[in-house]
Protein backbone atom coordinates (compact mmCIF):
# COMPACT_ATOMS: atom_id res chain seq x y z
CA MET A 1 -0.02 -0.02 0.02
CA ARG A 2 2.76 2.45 1.03
CA GLY A 3 4.36 1.80 -2.52
CA LYS A 4 1.12 2.66 -4.21
CA ILE A 5 0.78 5.80 -2.22
CA LEU A 6 4.33 6.75 -3.00
CA PHE A 7 3.82 6.09 -6.71
CA ALA A 8 0.50 8.06 -6.73
CA GLY A 9 2.41 10.98 -5.10
CA LEU A 10 5.21 10.86 -7.69
CA ILE A 11 2.45 11.03 -10.43
CA LEU A 12 0.84 14.05 -8.82
CA THR A 13 4.03 15.79 -8.40
CA PHE A 14 5.10 15.17 -12.00
CA SER A 15 1.57 16.32 -13.24
CA ALA A 16 1.88 19.53 -11.22
CA SER A 17 5.40 20.26 -12.56
CA MET A 18 4.20 19.57 -16.10
CA THR A 19 1.21 22.03 -15.49
CA VAL A 20 3.54 24.75 -14.25
CA ALA A 21 5.86 24.14 -17.22
CA GLN A 22 2.90 24.50 -19.71
CA GLN A 23 1.79 27.67 -18.00
CA ALA A 24 5.13 29.38 -17.90
CA PRO A 25 5.45 31.83 -20.82
CA HIS A 26 7.90 31.22 -23.52
CA VAL A 27 10.35 34.21 -23.57
CA PRO A 28 13.49 35.02 -25.55
CA THR A 29 16.77 33.70 -24.26
CA ALA A 30 19.15 36.09 -22.34
CA GLY A 31 21.51 35.74 -25.29
CA GLN A 32 18.82 36.83 -27.73
CA VAL A 33 17.94 39.79 -25.69
CA ASP A 34 21.47 40.84 -24.65
CA CYS A 35 22.87 40.34 -28.10
CA ALA A 36 20.13 41.97 -30.21
CA GLY A 37 21.79 45.37 -30.89
CA VAL A 38 19.87 48.57 -31.67
CA VAL A 39 19.72 51.32 -34.22
CA THR A 40 19.35 54.69 -32.46
CA SER A 41 19.91 58.43 -33.14
CA GLU A 42 20.30 59.01 -29.42
CA SER A 43 23.79 59.82 -28.13
CA VAL A 44 25.63 56.93 -26.34
CA PRO A 45 28.06 57.70 -23.48
CA ARG A 46 31.72 57.03 -24.36
CA ASP A 47 33.30 57.77 -20.97
CA THR A 48 34.11 54.08 -20.22
CA LEU A 49 36.22 52.09 -22.71
CA LEU A 50 37.74 48.58 -22.90
CA ILE A 51 41.36 49.53 -22.86
CA THR A 52 42.95 46.13 -23.55
CA GLY A 53 43.23 42.73 -21.84
CA GLU A 54 45.55 40.00 -20.69
CA GLN A 55 48.20 38.75 -23.13
CA SER A 56 47.86 42.00 -25.06
CA ASN A 57 51.34 41.51 -26.54
CA TYR A 58 49.80 39.24 -29.14
CA ARG A 59 46.00 39.40 -28.43
CA ILE A 60 43.68 42.05 -29.82
CA THR A 61 40.24 40.42 -29.24
CA TYR A 62 38.63 38.95 -26.20
CA ASP A 63 36.01 36.19 -25.67
CA ASP A 64 34.10 34.32 -22.88
CA GLY A 65 36.24 34.00 -19.59
CA ASP A 66 38.95 36.44 -20.75
CA TYR A 67 40.13 39.19 -18.51
CA VAL A 68 39.98 42.69 -19.81
CA TYR A 69 40.79 46.15 -18.54
CA LEU A 70 38.13 49.02 -18.41
CA SER A 71 38.97 52.74 -18.06
CA LYS A 72 36.79 53.26 -14.96
CA GLY A 73 37.98 52.77 -11.36
CA SER A 74 37.00 53.61 -7.78
CA SER A 75 37.67 57.29 -8.42
CA GLN A 76 34.84 57.16 -11.00
CA GLY A 77 32.51 55.18 -8.76
CA ALA A 78 33.27 51.71 -9.88
CA LYS A 79 32.89 48.82 -7.50
CA VAL A 80 33.64 45.04 -7.47
CA GLY A 81 30.68 43.21 -9.00
CA ASP A 82 29.60 45.95 -11.27
CA GLU A 83 28.60 44.74 -14.69
CA PHE A 84 28.76 46.42 -18.13
CA PHE A 85 27.45 45.80 -21.63
CA ILE A 86 30.11 46.14 -24.20
CA VAL A 87 28.94 47.73 -27.42
CA ARG A 88 30.35 49.04 -30.60
CA PRO A 89 29.00 51.27 -33.42
CA ILE A 90 29.28 49.41 -36.72
CA THR A 91 28.81 50.25 -40.50
CA ASP A 92 28.28 48.15 -43.47
CA SER A 93 31.55 47.66 -45.25
CA ILE A 94 29.79 46.41 -48.37
CA GLU A 95 27.18 49.17 -48.77
CA VAL A 96 25.22 47.48 -51.60
CA ASP A 97 21.47 48.05 -51.35
CA TRP A 98 19.36 44.95 -51.49
CA ALA A 99 16.28 47.02 -51.87
CA LYS A 100 15.77 50.63 -53.03
CA TRP A 101 16.29 53.37 -50.34
CA GLN A 102 17.76 50.95 -47.87
CA SER A 103 20.92 52.86 -47.06
CA ALA A 104 19.24 56.16 -47.00
CA ILE A 105 16.52 54.97 -44.64
CA LEU A 106 19.18 53.36 -42.32
CA LYS A 107 21.13 56.56 -42.00
CA LYS A 108 17.95 58.43 -41.03
CA MET A 109 17.27 55.76 -38.31
CA GLY A 110 20.59 56.42 -36.68
CA THR A 111 23.73 54.51 -35.79
CA VAL A 112 23.79 50.67 -35.62
CA TRP A 113 25.10 49.61 -32.26
CA GLU A 114 26.16 46.00 -31.93
CA ASP A 115 26.14 44.21 -28.65
CA GLU A 116 29.43 42.53 -28.01
CA GLY A 117 28.66 40.97 -24.62
CA ARG A 118 28.88 41.56 -20.81
CA VAL A 119 31.79 42.11 -18.45
CA LYS A 120 31.81 41.85 -14.67
CA LEU A 121 34.39 43.75 -12.47
CA LEU A 122 36.61 41.59 -10.31
CA VAL A 123 39.26 44.00 -9.25
CA VAL A 124 38.83 47.80 -8.91
CA ARG A 125 41.73 50.20 -8.74
CA ALA A 126 41.85 54.07 -8.67
CA ASP A 127 41.33 54.72 -12.35
CA VAL A 128 41.14 51.33 -13.92
CA SER A 129 39.35 48.05 -13.37
CA ILE A 130 39.87 44.36 -14.22
CA GLY A 131 36.88 42.56 -15.50
CA GLN A 132 36.01 39.14 -16.82
CA VAL A 133 33.92 38.57 -19.83
CA GLU A 134 30.76 36.87 -18.58
CA HIS A 135 29.17 36.46 -21.89
CA ALA A 136 30.34 37.18 -25.50
CA CYS A 137 28.03 37.75 -28.30
CA ASP A 138 31.00 38.31 -30.58
CA TYR A 139 34.57 39.24 -30.01
CA MET A 140 35.43 42.26 -27.94
CA GLN A 141 38.31 44.59 -28.87
CA ARG A 142 40.18 47.66 -27.71
CA GLY A 143 38.16 50.82 -27.81
CA ASP A 144 34.76 49.04 -27.38
CA ILE A 145 32.31 51.15 -25.32
CA ALA A 146 31.30 49.93 -21.80
CA LEU A 147 27.77 50.84 -20.63
CA PRO A 148 26.39 50.11 -17.14
CA PHE A 149 24.38 46.89 -17.20
CA ALA A 150 20.60 46.96 -16.79
CA GLN A 151 18.39 44.00 -17.10
CA ARG A 152 16.56 44.21 -20.46
CA PRO A 153 12.86 43.22 -20.73
CA MET A 154 12.19 39.70 -21.81
CA PRO A 155 8.61 39.88 -23.33
CA PRO A 156 6.55 36.69 -23.93
CA ILE A 157 6.76 34.98 -27.31
CA LYS A 158 3.39 33.89 -28.68
CA SER A 159 2.97 30.60 -30.51
CA GLY A 160 3.06 30.64 -34.38
CA ALA A 161 0.51 27.88 -34.51
CA GLY A 162 -2.34 30.41 -34.98
CA PHE A 163 -0.54 32.54 -37.62
CA ASP A 164 -3.07 33.57 -40.29
CA ARG A 165 -1.17 33.70 -43.63
CA PHE A 166 -4.14 35.31 -45.33
CA ALA A 167 -4.73 38.18 -42.86
CA ALA A 168 -5.99 41.37 -44.42
CA PRO A 169 -4.35 44.73 -43.67
CA ASN A 170 -5.41 46.06 -40.25
CA GLY A 171 -4.85 49.72 -40.86
CA LYS A 172 -2.11 50.07 -38.28
CA PRO A 173 1.24 51.64 -38.88
CA LEU A 174 3.46 50.13 -41.50
CA ALA A 175 7.29 50.03 -41.83
CA MET A 176 10.07 48.15 -43.64
CA ILE A 177 12.74 45.77 -42.64
CA ILE A 178 15.79 47.76 -43.42
CA THR A 179 18.46 45.27 -42.58
CA GLY A 180 19.28 42.25 -40.46
CA LYS A 181 21.77 41.83 -37.63
CA LYS A 182 25.30 42.19 -39.10
CA PHE A 183 23.70 43.69 -42.11
CA GLU A 184 22.36 40.35 -43.32
CA GLN A 185 19.88 40.68 -46.16
CA GLN A 186 18.09 37.30 -45.59
CA SER A 187 16.65 36.29 -42.28
CA GLY A 188 14.45 33.70 -40.71
CA THR A 189 12.99 32.39 -37.49
CA ASN A 190 15.09 33.46 -34.42
CA ASP A 191 17.01 36.03 -36.44
CA VAL A 192 17.04 39.75 -35.52
CA VAL A 193 16.12 42.48 -37.97
CA TYR A 194 15.83 46.30 -37.72
CA VAL A 195 12.71 48.15 -38.86
CA ASN A 196 12.06 51.89 -39.34
CA LEU A 197 9.35 52.44 -36.84
CA GLY A 198 10.20 53.08 -33.19
CA ALA A 199 9.39 54.69 -29.94
CA ASP A 200 8.60 58.16 -31.44
CA GLN A 201 5.85 56.33 -33.34
CA GLY A 202 4.49 54.54 -30.32
CA VAL A 203 6.22 51.16 -30.61
CA LYS A 204 6.96 49.45 -27.36
CA VAL A 205 9.01 46.43 -26.27
CA GLY A 206 6.75 43.47 -26.41
CA ASP A 207 4.79 44.67 -29.41
CA TYR A 208 4.38 42.41 -32.42
CA PHE A 209 4.90 43.02 -36.08
CA ARG A 210 3.35 41.02 -38.84
CA ILE A 211 5.85 40.62 -41.73
CA PHE A 212 4.56 40.65 -45.33
CA ARG A 213 5.52 41.53 -48.89
CA TYR A 214 3.56 43.03 -51.77
CA GLN A 215 3.44 41.11 -55.06
CA GLY A 216 5.57 42.71 -57.83
CA THR A 217 6.85 45.88 -56.14
CA GLU A 218 10.08 45.66 -58.16
CA HIS A 219 12.19 47.49 -55.66
CA GLU A 220 14.16 44.45 -54.54
CA THR A 221 17.44 43.99 -56.36
CA ALA A 222 16.78 40.14 -56.30
CA TYR A 223 14.05 40.51 -58.82
CA THR A 224 15.14 42.37 -62.01
CA VAL A 225 12.39 41.43 -64.61
CA PRO A 226 9.73 44.11 -64.72
CA ARG A 227 6.20 42.83 -63.86
CA ASN A 228 7.58 39.30 -63.36
CA ALA A 229 4.71 38.68 -60.92
CA PHE A 230 2.03 39.29 -63.52
CA GLU A 231 3.32 38.83 -67.08
CA ILE A 232 6.35 38.09 -69.08
CA GLU A 233 8.46 41.12 -70.27
CA LYS A 234 7.72 42.12 -73.84
CA GLY A 235 10.23 41.00 -76.34
CA LEU A 236 11.72 38.12 -74.35
CA GLY A 237 9.88 35.44 -76.37
CA PRO A 238 7.46 32.72 -75.34
CA THR A 239 9.98 30.59 -73.45
CA TRP A 240 10.70 33.19 -70.77
CA GLY A 241 7.52 32.72 -68.75
CA LEU A 242 4.24 30.78 -68.69
CA GLY A 243 1.08 32.92 -69.13
CA ALA A 244 0.32 36.50 -68.09
CA SER A 245 -2.33 38.44 -66.17
CA PRO A 246 -4.07 41.64 -67.34
CA SER A 247 -1.83 44.60 -67.02
CA LYS A 248 -4.20 46.41 -64.67
CA TYR A 249 -3.06 44.19 -61.75
CA ASN A 250 -0.06 45.32 -59.63
CA TRP A 251 1.25 45.36 -56.13
CA SER A 252 -1.53 47.73 -54.94
CA ASN A 253 -4.59 45.71 -55.95
CA THR A 254 -3.53 42.09 -55.42
CA PRO A 255 -3.36 40.27 -52.03
CA ARG A 256 -0.20 40.74 -50.08
CA GLU A 257 1.82 37.74 -48.88
CA ASP A 258 1.97 37.34 -45.07
CA ILE A 259 5.07 35.42 -44.20
CA GLY A 260 5.84 35.75 -40.48
CA GLU A 261 5.83 37.63 -37.17
CA GLY A 262 8.36 39.37 -35.08
CA LEU A 263 8.65 40.46 -31.43
CA VAL A 264 10.02 43.89 -30.48
CA LEU A 265 13.05 43.52 -28.14
CA ARG A 266 14.37 47.01 -28.18
CA THR A 267 13.40 50.47 -29.68
CA GLY A 268 15.20 53.62 -30.82
CA PRO A 269 13.38 56.85 -31.59
CA ASN A 270 12.82 55.77 -35.07
CA SER A 271 13.66 52.09 -35.09
CA SER A 272 12.78 48.70 -33.52
CA THR A 273 14.92 45.62 -32.93
CA VAL A 274 12.67 42.84 -33.87
CA LEU A 275 13.23 39.00 -33.21
CA ILE A 276 11.57 36.98 -35.88
CA THR A 277 9.55 34.35 -33.88
CA PHE A 278 7.83 32.71 -36.84
CA ALA A 279 8.49 32.68 -40.54
CA LEU A 280 7.07 30.65 -43.30
CA ARG A 281 10.01 31.28 -45.65
CA GLU A 282 12.99 33.58 -46.06
CA VAL A 283 12.58 37.17 -44.91
CA PHE A 284 14.44 39.89 -46.94
CA SER A 285 15.52 43.40 -46.37
CA GLY A 286 12.78 45.39 -48.08
CA ASP A 287 9.95 43.29 -46.74
CA TYR A 288 7.33 45.21 -44.92
CA VAL A 289 5.93 45.02 -41.43
CA GLU A 290 2.60 46.03 -39.85
CA LEU A 291 2.09 46.62 -36.15
CA GLU A 292 -0.27 44.05 -34.78
C-alpha cells in the first residue's frame, strides 16, 4: 500500500510540474535579448572604454572568460561586482543596397550599435578596473564602449501555431525591414532584424509586427524582370515565362503575402529591434511589417 501511495504521489508531483511548465510563458533567451543590438539616433556615453586585456602583446580580441581592463575605477565610482554591456558602433563595409532606399533610410534611423557581450568587474583600482567576460555575443576589442548593465525586458513569445497567412491589412502603422543583424539581407526564425518604426511612433518592447510583402513591387534587387509577378517582359519570347495576367493588376490591388511575425526587443526613436519568432519562408530586407 505504501508503495502505491508513493507512486501516486510521484505522479501528482510530475503532473503539477508539467502544468507549471505548460503555463510558464515562452520568452526570448538572455543571449537573444542581450545580443540583439539597436539602431538609434540618441547619443551613447563614451566615457568608459575597454582599454585592452591580458596577453595583449599578441592578443587584440577577447571572448568568454577572458580578462579585460576598463577605463573606470574607484575614483569614478566603480565597484567590484559591477557589470557592463560592451557595445560598438558598426557600419556596413559592403554598402550594396538589397532594396531601394535601404542605405538612405538606415542613415535616418541612426547608428547601428552592436552588442558584443557583458563584463563583470573583479578588481577595482583608482582609475582602472579588471573585469572578466561573462558572456560574449561576438569578439570584444580595444576601444569598445562599456555601458552600465541594466536588465533588459524579456517579453513573452506567442506561438506561431495560430498564424493567419491570409490576414487582411489592419490599418495600423507600416514600416520596412531595413536590414538584419550584421547587415544580413536574408533572415528567418530566431534572427534579428531592424525596422524603421520606433518609440517616437508609439512602438513598445513586447509589441508584435506582422511581416509581409507585396506582389511585384520591383524595388528588390533580387528581382530584375519588370512585372515578373504578372506577365512576361515584352520581347523576351514565349519561353521566358508561362502565361500573363491583365496589366491592370499590380502590387496595390492584389493580395499581399503574409510570411511571418516578429517580437520587439528594443526600440530607438525611429527604429525597432525585432526578433523573428515565426517565418513561413525567407525574410528579406525590403519586406514590410505591420504593427499588430
